[in-house]
Protein backbone atom coordinates (compact mmCIF):
# COMPACT_ATOMS: atom_id res chain seq x y z
CA MET A 1 -0.03 0.39 -0.34
CA GLU A 2 1.87 3.20 -1.33
CA PRO A 3 1.92 5.98 1.72
CA LYS A 4 -0.87 8.93 1.83
CA GLU A 5 0.64 11.80 0.42
CA ARG A 6 1.48 14.69 3.10
CA ILE A 7 -0.37 17.24 3.31
CA ALA A 8 1.02 20.50 5.72
CA ILE A 9 -0.84 22.28 7.69
CA TYR A 10 -0.56 26.41 8.72
CA PRO A 11 -2.03 27.52 11.69
CA LEU A 12 -2.91 30.78 9.75
CA ASP A 13 -3.58 29.13 6.31
CA VAL A 14 -7.37 29.86 4.79
CA TYR A 15 -9.23 26.79 3.56
CA VAL A 16 -12.64 26.46 1.61
CA VAL A 17 -15.39 23.91 0.97
CA THR A 18 -15.22 22.39 -2.56
CA ASP A 19 -18.83 22.13 -4.33
CA ALA A 20 -18.35 18.25 -3.22
CA GLY A 21 -17.91 19.59 0.18
CA GLN A 22 -21.39 21.55 -0.43
CA GLU A 23 -22.84 18.41 -1.65
CA GLU A 24 -21.82 16.76 0.95
CA LEU A 25 -23.31 19.42 3.66
CA LYS A 26 -26.32 19.00 1.54
CA ASN A 27 -26.41 14.95 1.31
CA GLY A 28 -28.83 13.68 4.33
CA SER A 29 -26.58 10.54 4.07
CA THR A 30 -22.90 11.72 3.85
CA THR A 31 -20.31 9.18 5.98
CA LEU A 32 -18.62 12.46 7.67
CA THR A 33 -17.64 12.36 11.37
CA THR A 34 -19.82 15.11 13.02
CA PRO A 35 -16.22 16.32 13.71
CA ALA A 36 -15.70 16.76 9.84
CA LEU A 37 -19.16 18.28 9.06
CA GLU A 38 -18.13 20.93 11.72
CA LEU A 39 -14.95 22.15 10.25
CA LEU A 40 -16.75 22.09 6.92
CA VAL A 41 -19.35 24.45 8.06
CA LEU A 42 -16.76 26.94 9.69
CA MET A 43 -15.19 27.16 7.09
CA ASP A 44 -15.72 30.53 5.19
CA GLY A 45 -13.18 31.41 3.29
CA THR A 46 -11.76 33.80 5.19
CA ALA A 47 -11.01 31.77 8.49
CA ASN A 48 -7.60 30.55 9.31
CA VAL A 49 -7.39 27.12 10.92
CA ARG A 50 -6.48 28.76 14.81
CA GLU A 51 -9.03 32.12 13.96
CA ILE A 52 -11.82 28.08 13.39
CA SER A 53 -10.15 26.46 16.18
CA GLU A 54 -11.67 29.53 18.63
CA ARG A 55 -15.10 29.65 17.06
CA ALA A 56 -15.13 25.63 17.46
CA THR A 57 -17.36 23.88 19.84
CA ASN A 58 -15.67 20.60 19.94
CA LEU A 59 -12.04 21.11 17.67
CA SER A 60 -8.59 22.08 18.63
CA GLU A 61 -6.50 23.41 16.66
CA GLN A 62 -4.68 20.31 16.99
CA GLU A 63 -8.25 18.10 16.14
CA ILE A 64 -8.50 20.50 13.34
CA GLY A 65 -4.83 19.63 12.05
CA ALA A 66 -5.60 15.91 11.59
CA LEU A 67 -8.97 16.63 10.64
CA LEU A 68 -7.92 18.49 7.46
CA PRO A 69 -5.56 16.52 5.83
CA LYS A 70 -8.53 13.77 5.45
CA LEU A 71 -10.72 16.25 4.14
CA ILE A 72 -8.71 18.09 1.50
CA ARG A 73 -7.49 14.16 -0.44
CA ASP A 74 -11.34 13.13 -0.25
CA GLY A 75 -11.80 16.49 -1.71
CA PHE A 76 -14.38 18.08 0.94
CA ALA A 77 -11.79 20.88 1.13
CA LYS A 78 -9.17 22.89 -0.12
CA MET A 79 -6.55 25.45 0.34
CA ALA A 80 -6.79 28.57 -0.78
CA SER A 81 -3.08 30.13 -1.10
CA ILE A 82 -0.13 30.18 -3.16
CA ALA A 83 1.44 27.24 -1.79
CA ALA A 84 -1.80 25.78 -3.36
CA GLU A 85 -0.57 26.72 -7.17
CA ASP A 86 2.82 26.36 -6.95
CA GLY A 87 3.22 23.45 -4.18
CA MET A 88 6.56 25.64 -2.03
CA ASP A 89 5.73 25.35 1.95
CA PHE A 90 5.29 29.46 3.10
CA SER A 91 6.73 27.65 6.66
CA TYR A 92 9.96 29.41 6.34
CA PHE A 93 8.97 32.35 4.46
CA PHE A 94 9.55 35.55 7.02
CA ASP A 95 11.53 32.86 9.81
CA ALA A 96 13.09 35.57 11.99
CA ASP A 97 16.20 33.03 12.27
CA LYS A 98 16.83 33.45 8.53
CA ALA A 99 17.83 36.72 7.06
CA ALA A 100 16.43 38.42 3.63
CA PRO A 101 18.65 37.58 0.57
CA GLU A 102 20.37 41.27 -0.39
CA PRO A 103 19.92 42.96 -3.46
CA SER A 104 21.73 42.77 -6.77
CA ALA A 105 24.41 44.44 -7.23
CA HIS A 106 23.22 46.13 -10.65
CA ALA A 107 20.34 46.53 -8.72
CA ALA A 108 21.81 48.47 -5.04
CA GLU A 109 23.77 50.53 -8.11
CA GLN A 110 20.99 51.87 -9.70
CA ALA A 111 19.17 52.28 -6.11
CA GLU A 112 22.08 54.66 -5.10
CA LYS A 113 21.78 56.90 -8.87
CA GLU A 114 18.29 57.35 -7.84
CA ALA A 115 18.39 57.97 -4.04
CA GLU A 116 20.18 61.37 -5.28
CA ASN A 117 16.63 62.31 -6.42
CA GLY A 118 14.58 60.30 -4.84
CA ALA A 119 15.40 61.42 -0.95
CA PRO A 120 15.60 65.15 -1.50
CA ALA A 121 11.89 64.70 -3.22
CA LEU A 122 10.52 62.81 -0.34
CA LEU A 123 11.49 65.51 1.84
CA ARG A 124 9.91 68.22 0.09
CA HIS A 125 7.03 66.14 -1.10
CA GLY A 126 5.83 63.73 1.09
CA TYR A 127 6.83 61.27 -0.96
CA TYR A 128 8.38 59.45 -3.69
CA VAL A 129 8.10 56.91 -6.62
CA SER A 130 10.22 55.39 -8.80
CA ILE A 131 10.55 56.93 -11.84
CA ALA A 132 11.03 53.16 -12.77
CA ARG A 133 8.44 51.79 -11.31
CA ARG A 134 5.27 54.11 -11.73
CA ALA A 135 3.15 52.46 -13.95
CA ALA A 136 2.21 54.06 -17.00
CA GLN A 137 -1.25 51.73 -17.77
CA PRO A 138 -4.40 51.78 -14.90
CA ARG A 139 -2.99 47.99 -13.12
CA GLN A 140 -5.24 45.57 -13.74
CA PRO A 141 -6.73 43.94 -10.80
CA VAL A 142 -5.22 40.27 -10.07
CA GLY A 143 -8.75 38.89 -8.77
CA GLY A 144 -12.07 40.13 -8.90
CA ALA A 145 -13.55 43.55 -9.60
CA LYS A 146 -11.63 45.97 -7.89
CA LEU A 147 -7.76 46.77 -6.58
CA SER A 148 -6.99 45.43 -3.63
CA VAL A 149 -4.80 47.19 -1.01
CA LEU A 150 -2.93 44.86 2.27
CA VAL A 151 -1.94 47.67 5.25
CA VAL A 152 0.74 46.03 6.43
CA GLU A 153 0.75 48.69 10.32
CA ASP A 154 1.34 47.47 14.17
CA ASP A 155 -0.75 50.15 14.88
CA PRO A 156 -4.67 49.41 15.04
CA GLN A 157 -5.63 53.06 14.76
CA LEU A 158 -3.48 54.18 11.97
CA CYS A 159 -3.96 50.69 10.66
CA GLU A 160 -8.36 50.97 10.57
CA VAL A 161 -8.74 54.73 8.84
CA LEU A 162 -5.92 53.63 6.18
CA ARG A 163 -8.12 50.68 5.78
CA ASN A 164 -11.37 52.53 5.64
CA LEU A 165 -8.98 55.57 3.14
CA MET A 166 -8.55 52.70 0.94
CA ARG A 167 -12.50 51.61 0.75
CA LEU A 168 -13.77 54.98 0.21
CA GLN A 169 -11.44 55.47 -2.47
CA GLY A 170 -12.95 52.38 -4.00
CA PHE A 171 -9.89 49.71 -3.41
CA GLU A 172 -11.10 46.21 -1.65
CA ALA A 173 -8.52 46.47 1.72
CA SER A 174 -7.09 44.64 4.02
CA ALA A 175 -4.94 44.59 7.01
CA ALA A 176 -2.24 42.51 8.54
CA MET A 177 -0.46 44.23 11.87
CA ASN A 178 2.70 41.52 12.26
CA ARG A 179 5.08 39.26 10.34
CA GLY A 180 2.37 35.73 11.31
CA GLN A 181 -0.55 37.96 9.84
CA VAL A 182 1.54 39.50 6.54
CA VAL A 183 2.87 35.46 5.83
CA ALA A 184 -0.91 34.75 6.18
CA ALA A 185 -2.36 37.43 3.84
CA LEU A 186 0.30 36.92 1.08
CA ARG A 187 -0.20 33.64 0.89
CA ARG A 188 -3.88 34.06 0.09
CA ILE A 189 -5.57 33.33 -3.02
CA PRO A 190 -5.69 36.33 -4.93
CA SER A 191 -2.81 38.62 -3.84
CA PRO A 192 -3.52 41.80 -3.72
CA ASP A 193 -2.53 44.16 -5.57
CA LEU A 194 -0.52 47.19 -3.48
CA VAL A 195 1.12 46.38 0.40
CA LEU A 196 0.98 49.17 1.99
CA LEU A 197 4.17 48.29 3.89
CA ASP A 198 5.54 50.17 7.64
CA VAL A 199 8.85 49.77 8.05
CA ARG A 200 9.20 49.29 11.87
CA LEU A 201 6.75 46.26 12.91
CA PRO A 202 6.77 44.57 16.73
CA ASP A 203 8.38 41.29 14.89
CA ALA A 204 9.89 42.02 11.60
CA ASN A 205 11.59 44.64 9.18
CA GLY A 206 9.35 46.09 6.57
CA PHE A 207 12.68 46.49 4.02
CA ASP A 208 13.27 42.31 5.32
CA ILE A 209 9.85 41.91 4.21
CA LEU A 210 10.07 43.65 0.85
CA LEU A 211 13.74 41.98 -0.14
CA ARG A 212 11.96 38.12 0.50
CA MET A 213 8.35 39.87 -1.69
CA LYS A 214 10.41 40.72 -4.84
CA GLN A 215 12.93 37.25 -4.94
CA HIS A 216 9.30 35.28 -4.80
CA PRO A 217 8.05 34.28 -8.19
CA ALA A 218 4.65 34.76 -7.09
CA LEU A 219 4.81 37.75 -5.32
CA LYS A 220 7.35 39.88 -7.15
CA SER A 221 4.35 41.70 -9.06
CA ILE A 222 2.69 43.43 -6.52
CA ALA A 223 3.36 46.98 -6.23
CA VAL A 224 4.65 48.15 -2.63
CA ILE A 225 4.93 51.59 -0.73
CA MET A 226 6.86 51.76 2.18
CA LEU A 227 5.62 54.12 5.11
CA THR A 228 8.47 55.22 7.13
CA GLY A 229 9.39 58.26 9.74
CA GLU A 230 12.95 57.51 7.88
CA ALA A 231 13.66 60.09 4.71
CA ASN A 232 17.47 59.94 4.76
CA ARG A 233 19.13 59.18 1.72
CA GLU A 234 20.22 55.76 3.22
CA SER A 235 16.59 54.49 3.68
CA VAL A 236 15.48 55.56 0.78
CA MET A 237 18.44 53.75 -1.31
CA ARG A 238 17.22 50.54 0.72
CA GLY A 239 14.26 50.26 -0.45
CA LEU A 240 14.61 51.24 -3.76
CA ALA A 241 17.14 48.32 -4.21
CA GLY A 242 15.02 46.22 -2.72
CA GLY A 243 11.80 46.97 -5.13
CA ALA A 244 9.96 49.85 -3.80
CA ASP A 245 7.71 51.35 -6.17
CA GLY A 246 7.36 54.16 -4.19
CA TYR A 247 7.89 55.90 -0.43
CA VAL A 248 5.64 57.92 2.15
CA THR A 249 7.30 59.69 5.26
CA LYS A 250 5.31 59.53 8.58
CA PRO A 251 3.61 61.06 9.52
CA PHE A 252 1.41 61.94 6.11
CA GLU A 253 -1.30 63.53 5.48
CA MET A 254 -3.60 61.70 3.21
CA GLU A 255 -4.05 63.33 -0.03
CA THR A 256 0.21 62.88 -0.12
CA LEU A 257 -0.12 59.39 0.57
CA LEU A 258 -3.36 58.97 -1.62
CA LYS A 259 -0.86 60.23 -5.42
CA GLY A 260 1.77 57.57 -4.08
CA VAL A 261 -0.76 55.48 -4.02
CA LYS A 262 -2.60 56.46 -7.87
CA SER A 263 0.80 57.01 -9.16
CA VAL A 264 2.15 53.37 -8.28
CA LEU A 265 -1.41 51.84 -9.94
CA GLY A 266 -1.10 54.38 -12.81
CA LEU A 267 -4.78 55.85 -11.81
CA SER A 268 -3.73 58.79 -12.37
């Protein structure tokens, strides 16, 4: 008998019920156990394993981790993440013990030249968008009818303000406030069209996240604007070398931020 395929269950992954799973829920003569049915009911396409375990009345995170592989193998559930498409295990992706890859010498050289103009412009206007990455045509949404923005910000009040601002501008908006939430948000399908990325997070550095994103085949096309209080030449160069499309200084005016967002997405 051949061994069953090993399916890794990541606590922050989101899972969805397949058509076969929906039929099983409607089927009065289902062969699934009560815990398996409860798990399917709780899979709404937005809650991750950890959140499902908090909502479940009779299931722990460990029990969910044991049930999920069987449901996936039987075709009743599937992972709603990039890992399901490219087979990549993201568990190492933002590993705090592993240094982010350094940008290439060419990227560093180009960034050093552009930073000569970038830093003064950032100080003068409050935002700077890389000439090389300014969108000439409007960016098309990766998924759905609206462009989506992921706000990475550890200040709860500012995070909510930014989410609401993006929604008022017609974007889909989600948020991440720490390393784990960033990993979970970037694993999901579809990927965001733009990430507003704070530099200083409680357990991660925005520049490291940027480098890892831009060196990942499924994430490198996502536009990134750094949100930071650092407007010096070294920081601008570091962001540009890492692949940032733009920079916005803190504190910032909402209109200034929107100018950067629209420029990066080709909306102005």
